[in-house]
Amino acid sequence: MMEATKPAGTIRVGIFDRTVRIQIAGRATFTASLDLKNVVNELWDRGYKSFIFDLCDCVIMDSTFLGVLAGVGLKFDEANEKADGCFLAIANPNERIADLLEDLGVAHLFKVIELDPAKENLQPVAHVENSSRVDVARTCLEAHKTLMTLNSENALKFKDVAQFLAEDLKKLEAKES
């Protein structure tokens, strides 16, 4: 009953002076993680290298979504080593999400800033309707592997989840073949 009262996750995006602002509202879960990954990769490929993830209306984030976000952080770390000019920040996280970032050892990947919430000029990100169960399972597994790589304590927390996801992915891939 409680689940129905929590807002579903939405992602909206706007570009302001070559900086991409992605606002995540509601519950940031695995169902939105593929959408986030796709929009970041598309904009990155189009040359955008400054991203702000605005969490002012994000109430909770699951491990898959956080793992995808951490993967973005690692991508920026690698890009900054090769060339300067990349900027990655998380704006306005609530205390619960800030603690989660710290506890899972990913906070160092992001600059945490306070920013007035952008309400205008943000467009909804289209949900990937044609994503296969294999794509979702692969994204979930990659996200958890990222978290496990970043922090050895996460390996213990997510070992069983990663094993289940790997087995599920293998079954799904076999069905597709």
C-alpha atoms as a PDB file:
ATOM      1  CA  MET A   1       0.000   0.000   0.000  1.00  0.00           C
ATOM      2  CA  MET A   2       2.832   2.414   0.819  1.00  0.00           C
ATOM      3  CA  GLU A   3       4.486   1.859  -2.577  1.00  0.00           C
ATOM      4  CA  ALA A   4       1.489   3.281  -4.437  1.00  0.00           C
ATOM      5  CA  THR A   5       1.764   6.601  -2.610  1.00  0.00           C
ATOM      6  CA  LYS A   6       5.381   7.208  -3.603  1.00  0.00           C
ATOM      7  CA  PRO A   7       5.809   9.173  -6.837  1.00  0.00           C
ATOM      8  CA  ALA A   8       7.187   7.298  -9.819  1.00  0.00           C
ATOM      9  CA  GLY A   9      10.570   8.422 -11.106  1.00  0.00           C
ATOM     10  CA  THR A  10      10.780  10.948 -13.897  1.00  0.00           C
ATOM     11  CA  ILE A  11      13.738  12.402 -15.715  1.00  0.00           C
ATOM     12  CA  ARG A  12      13.714  15.807 -17.366  1.00  0.00           C
ATOM     13  CA  VAL A  13      16.573  17.425 -19.241  1.00  0.00           C
ATOM     14  CA  GLY A  14      17.563  20.915 -20.348  1.00  0.00           C
ATOM     15  CA  ILE A  15      20.679  22.467 -21.810  1.00  0.00           C
ATOM     16  CA  PHE A  16      21.836  25.790 -20.427  1.00  0.00           C
ATOM     17  CA  ASP A  17      24.939  27.362 -21.953  1.00  0.00           C
ATOM     18  CA  ARG A  18      26.474  23.961 -22.903  1.00  0.00           C
ATOM     19  CA  THR A  19      25.711  22.506 -19.465  1.00  0.00           C
ATOM     20  CA  VAL A  20      23.236  19.649 -19.373  1.00  0.00           C
ATOM     21  CA  ARG A  21      20.889  19.728 -16.418  1.00  0.00           C
ATOM     22  CA  ILE A  22      19.140  16.458 -15.689  1.00  0.00           C
ATOM     23  CA  GLN A  23      16.427  16.660 -13.081  1.00  0.00           C
ATOM     24  CA  ILE A  24      15.469  13.410 -11.411  1.00  0.00           C
ATOM     25  CA  ALA A  25      12.207  13.435  -9.501  1.00  0.00           C
ATOM     26  CA  GLY A  26      10.348  10.836  -7.470  1.00  0.00           C
ATOM     27  CA  ARG A  27      11.880   7.404  -7.065  1.00  0.00           C
ATOM     28  CA  ALA A  28      15.022   6.868  -9.108  1.00  0.00           C
ATOM     29  CA  THR A  29      14.884   3.122  -9.735  1.00  0.00           C
ATOM     30  CA  PHE A  30      16.127   0.522 -12.172  1.00  0.00           C
ATOM     31  CA  THR A  31      13.134   1.253 -14.417  1.00  0.00           C
ATOM     32  CA  ALA A  32      14.548   4.724 -15.154  1.00  0.00           C
ATOM     33  CA  SER A  33      18.230   3.759 -15.129  1.00  0.00           C
ATOM     34  CA  LEU A  34      18.322   2.738 -18.796  1.00  0.00           C
ATOM     35  CA  ASP A  35      16.691   6.062 -19.741  1.00  0.00           C
ATOM     36  CA  LEU A  36      19.335   7.953 -17.755  1.00  0.00           C
ATOM     37  CA  LYS A  37      22.165   5.962 -19.298  1.00  0.00           C
ATOM     38  CA  ASN A  38      20.827   6.537 -22.813  1.00  0.00           C
ATOM     39  CA  VAL A  39      20.307  10.297 -22.461  1.00  0.00           C
ATOM     40  CA  VAL A  40      23.749  10.845 -20.911  1.00  0.00           C
ATOM     41  CA  ASN A  41      25.468   8.753 -23.595  1.00  0.00           C
ATOM     42  CA  GLU A  42      23.562  10.503 -26.403  1.00  0.00           C
ATOM     43  CA  LEU A  43      24.423  13.976 -25.132  1.00  0.00           C
ATOM     44  CA  TRP A  44      28.038  12.972 -24.405  1.00  0.00           C
ATOM     45  CA  ASP A  45      28.358  11.717 -27.993  1.00  0.00           C
ATOM     46  CA  ARG A  46      27.000  15.071 -29.195  1.00  0.00           C
ATOM     47  CA  GLY A  47      29.850  16.851 -27.401  1.00  0.00           C
ATOM     48  CA  TYR A  48      28.327  17.875 -24.078  1.00  0.00           C
ATOM     49  CA  LYS A  49      30.826  17.419 -21.238  1.00  0.00           C
ATOM     50  CA  SER A  50      29.217  19.356 -18.354  1.00  0.00           C
ATOM     51  CA  PHE A  51      26.364  17.661 -16.508  1.00  0.00           C
ATOM     52  CA  ILE A  52      24.434  18.546 -13.376  1.00  0.00           C
ATOM     53  CA  PHE A  53      22.112  15.955 -11.871  1.00  0.00           C
ATOM     54  CA  ASP A  54      19.452  17.925  -9.995  1.00  0.00           C
ATOM     55  CA  LEU A  55      18.005  15.781  -7.207  1.00  0.00           C
ATOM     56  CA  CYS A  56      15.819  18.440  -5.566  1.00  0.00           C
ATOM     57  CA  ASP A  57      12.686  16.319  -6.079  1.00  0.00           C
ATOM     58  CA  CYS A  58      14.306  12.871  -5.898  1.00  0.00           C
ATOM     59  CA  VAL A  59      13.026  11.046  -2.827  1.00  0.00           C
ATOM     60  CA  ILE A  60      15.025   7.818  -3.067  1.00  0.00           C
ATOM     61  CA  MET A  61      17.517   6.091  -5.324  1.00  0.00           C
ATOM     62  CA  ASP A  62      17.936   2.348  -5.706  1.00  0.00           C
ATOM     63  CA  SER A  63      21.277   0.611  -6.170  1.00  0.00           C
ATOM     64  CA  THR A  64      20.844   0.098  -9.920  1.00  0.00           C
ATOM     65  CA  PHE A  65      20.157   3.772 -10.564  1.00  0.00           C
ATOM     66  CA  LEU A  66      23.032   4.758  -8.291  1.00  0.00           C
ATOM     67  CA  GLY A  67      25.312   2.287 -10.075  1.00  0.00           C
ATOM     68  CA  VAL A  68      24.432   3.818 -13.453  1.00  0.00           C
ATOM     69  CA  LEU A  69      25.096   7.274 -11.999  1.00  0.00           C
ATOM     70  CA  ALA A  70      28.434   6.023 -10.634  1.00  0.00           C
ATOM     71  CA  GLY A  71      29.265   4.673 -14.097  1.00  0.00           C
ATOM     72  CA  VAL A  72      28.719   8.185 -15.462  1.00  0.00           C
ATOM     73  CA  GLY A  73      31.046   9.480 -12.743  1.00  0.00           C
ATOM     74  CA  LEU A  74      33.749   7.014 -13.762  1.00  0.00           C
ATOM     75  CA  LYS A  75      33.371   8.034 -17.404  1.00  0.00           C
ATOM     76  CA  PHE A  76      33.976  11.648 -16.374  1.00  0.00           C
ATOM     77  CA  ASP A  77      36.989  10.664 -14.264  1.00  0.00           C
ATOM     78  CA  GLU A  78      38.558   8.967 -17.280  1.00  0.00           C
ATOM     79  CA  ALA A  79      37.740  11.926 -19.549  1.00  0.00           C
ATOM     80  CA  ASN A  80      39.247  14.407 -17.086  1.00  0.00           C
ATOM     81  CA  GLU A  81      42.474  12.406 -17.029  1.00  0.00           C
ATOM     82  CA  LYS A  82      42.726  12.710 -20.825  1.00  0.00           C
ATOM     83  CA  ALA A  83      41.452  16.255 -21.293  1.00  0.00           C
ATOM     84  CA  ASP A  84      40.243  19.042 -19.061  1.00  0.00           C
ATOM     85  CA  GLY A  85      36.860  20.677 -19.338  1.00  0.00           C
ATOM     86  CA  CYS A  86      34.472  18.071 -17.988  1.00  0.00           C
ATOM     87  CA  PHE A  87      32.204  18.999 -15.113  1.00  0.00           C
ATOM     88  CA  LEU A  88      29.954  16.664 -13.175  1.00  0.00           C
ATOM     89  CA  ALA A  89      27.847  17.636 -10.188  1.00  0.00           C
ATOM     90  CA  ILE A  90      24.948  16.492  -8.094  1.00  0.00           C
ATOM     91  CA  ALA A  91      22.708  19.319  -6.968  1.00  0.00           C
ATOM     92  CA  ASN A  92      20.360  19.389  -4.022  1.00  0.00           C
ATOM     93  CA  PRO A  93      20.481  15.798  -2.763  1.00  0.00           C
ATOM     94  CA  ASN A  94      18.331  15.123   0.269  1.00  0.00           C
ATOM     95  CA  GLU A  95      20.045  13.790   3.391  1.00  0.00           C
ATOM     96  CA  ARG A  96      19.074  10.184   2.637  1.00  0.00           C
ATOM     97  CA  ILE A  97      20.591  10.264  -0.854  1.00  0.00           C
ATOM     98  CA  ALA A  98      23.705  12.152   0.329  1.00  0.00           C
ATOM     99  CA  ASP A  99      24.227   9.446   2.967  1.00  0.00           C
ATOM    100  CA  LEU A 100      23.725   6.733   0.353  1.00  0.00           C
ATOM    101  CA  LEU A 101      26.361   8.300  -1.901  1.00  0.00           C
ATOM    102  CA  GLU A 102      28.803   8.350   1.021  1.00  0.00           C
ATOM    103  CA  ASP A 103      27.933   4.879   2.352  1.00  0.00           C
ATOM    104  CA  LEU A 104      28.400   3.225  -1.031  1.00  0.00           C
ATOM    105  CA  GLY A 105      31.643   5.072  -1.702  1.00  0.00           C
ATOM    106  CA  VAL A 106      30.625   7.024  -4.793  1.00  0.00           C
ATOM    107  CA  ALA A 107      30.364  10.577  -3.429  1.00  0.00           C
ATOM    108  CA  HIS A 108      33.938  11.358  -4.503  1.00  0.00           C
ATOM    109  CA  LEU A 109      32.897  11.058  -8.170  1.00  0.00           C
ATOM    110  CA  PHE A 110      30.663  14.124  -7.973  1.00  0.00           C
ATOM    111  CA  LYS A 111      30.881  17.696  -6.876  1.00  0.00           C
ATOM    112  CA  VAL A 112      27.887  18.274  -4.588  1.00  0.00           C
ATOM    113  CA  ILE A 113      26.330  21.702  -5.041  1.00  0.00           C
ATOM    114  CA  GLU A 114      23.253  23.656  -4.024  1.00  0.00           C
ATOM    115  CA  LEU A 115      21.341  25.117  -6.937  1.00  0.00           C
ATOM    116  CA  ASP A 116      17.973  26.724  -7.491  1.00  0.00           C
ATOM    117  CA  PRO A 117      15.729  24.032  -8.945  1.00  0.00           C
ATOM    118  CA  ALA A 118      15.115  24.515 -12.664  1.00  0.00           C
ATOM    119  CA  LYS A 119      11.412  24.324 -13.402  1.00  0.00           C
ATOM    120  CA  GLU A 120      11.407  25.806 -16.894  1.00  0.00           C
ATOM    121  CA  ASN A 121      12.957  24.662 -20.148  1.00  0.00           C
ATOM    122  CA  LEU A 122      13.257  21.052 -19.035  1.00  0.00           C
ATOM    123  CA  GLN A 123      11.878  18.399 -21.326  1.00  0.00           C
ATOM    124  CA  PRO A 124      10.803  14.917 -20.243  1.00  0.00           C
ATOM    125  CA  VAL A 125      13.142  12.145 -21.290  1.00  0.00           C
ATOM    126  CA  ALA A 126      11.291   9.571 -23.330  1.00  0.00           C
ATOM    127  CA  HIS A 127      11.097   6.205 -21.662  1.00  0.00           C
ATOM    128  CA  VAL A 128      12.793   3.497 -23.711  1.00  0.00           C
ATOM    129  CA  GLU A 129       9.693   1.470 -24.566  1.00  0.00           C
ATOM    130  CA  ASN A 130      11.440  -1.064 -26.760  1.00  0.00           C
ATOM    131  CA  SER A 131      14.150  -1.969 -24.276  1.00  0.00           C
ATOM    132  CA  SER A 132      14.397  -5.694 -23.925  1.00  0.00           C
ATOM    133  CA  ARG A 133      14.530  -7.562 -20.672  1.00  0.00           C
ATOM    134  CA  VAL A 134      18.100  -8.427 -21.651  1.00  0.00           C
ATOM    135  CA  ASP A 135      18.999  -4.701 -21.871  1.00  0.00           C
ATOM    136  CA  VAL A 136      17.468  -4.040 -18.466  1.00  0.00           C
ATOM    137  CA  ALA A 137      19.150  -7.077 -16.881  1.00  0.00           C
ATOM    138  CA  ARG A 138      22.510  -6.128 -18.429  1.00  0.00           C
ATOM    139  CA  THR A 139      22.186  -2.549 -17.149  1.00  0.00           C
ATOM    140  CA  CYS A 140      21.294  -3.777 -13.654  1.00  0.00           C
ATOM    141  CA  LEU A 141      24.267  -6.156 -13.595  1.00  0.00           C
ATOM    142  CA  GLU A 142      26.712  -3.524 -14.916  1.00  0.00           C
ATOM    143  CA  ALA A 143      25.459  -1.015 -12.329  1.00  0.00           C
ATOM    144  CA  HIS A 144      26.017  -3.409  -9.442  1.00  0.00           C
ATOM    145  CA  LYS A 145      29.436  -4.434 -10.751  1.00  0.00           C
ATOM    146  CA  THR A 146      30.367  -0.751 -10.892  1.00  0.00           C
ATOM    147  CA  LEU A 147      29.365  -0.278  -7.257  1.00  0.00           C
ATOM    148  CA  MET A 148      31.290  -3.404  -6.266  1.00  0.00           C
ATOM    149  CA  THR A 149      34.414  -2.181  -8.075  1.00  0.00           C
ATOM    150  CA  LEU A 150      34.294   1.257  -6.484  1.00  0.00           C
ATOM    151  CA  ASN A 151      34.122   0.059  -2.899  1.00  0.00           C
ATOM    152  CA  SER A 152      35.200  -3.318  -1.521  1.00  0.00           C
ATOM    153  CA  GLU A 153      32.445  -3.159   1.111  1.00  0.00           C
ATOM    154  CA  ASN A 154      29.907  -3.056  -1.713  1.00  0.00           C
ATOM    155  CA  ALA A 155      31.206  -6.402  -2.964  1.00  0.00           C
ATOM    156  CA  LEU A 156      29.826  -8.011   0.177  1.00  0.00           C
ATOM    157  CA  LYS A 157      26.557  -6.078  -0.014  1.00  0.00           C
ATOM    158  CA  PHE A 158      25.830  -6.851  -3.654  1.00  0.00           C
ATOM    159  CA  LYS A 159      27.533 -10.206  -4.238  1.00  0.00           C
ATOM    160  CA  ASP A 160      24.289 -12.207  -4.150  1.00  0.00           C
ATOM    161  CA  VAL A 161      22.394  -9.618  -6.189  1.00  0.00           C
ATOM    162  CA  ALA A 162      25.099  -9.611  -8.854  1.00  0.00           C
ATOM    163  CA  GLN A 163      25.141 -13.394  -8.975  1.00  0.00           C
ATOM    164  CA  PHE A 164      21.346 -13.509  -9.386  1.00  0.00           C
ATOM    165  CA  LEU A 165      21.471 -10.827 -12.093  1.00  0.00           C
ATOM    166  CA  ALA A 166      24.252 -12.654 -13.953  1.00  0.00           C
ATOM    167  CA  GLU A 167      22.284 -15.900 -13.902  1.00  0.00           C
ATOM    168  CA  ASP A 168      19.102 -14.116 -14.981  1.00  0.00           C
ATOM    169  CA  LEU A 169      20.950 -12.380 -17.826  1.00  0.00           C
ATOM    170  CA  LYS A 170      22.401 -15.676 -18.999  1.00  0.00           C
ATOM    171  CA  LYS A 171      18.902 -17.243 -19.088  1.00  0.00           C
ATOM    172  CA  LEU A 172      17.423 -14.260 -20.918  1.00  0.00           C
ATOM    173  CA  GLU A 173      20.225 -14.255 -23.493  1.00  0.00           C
ATOM    174  CA  ALA A 174      19.732 -17.980 -24.063  1.00  0.00           C
ATOM    175  CA  LYS A 175      16.016 -17.407 -24.726  1.00  0.00           C
ATOM    176  CA  GLU A 176      16.841 -14.691 -27.267  1.00  0.00           C
ATOM    177  CA  SER A 177      19.271 -16.927 -29.181  1.00  0.00           C
END
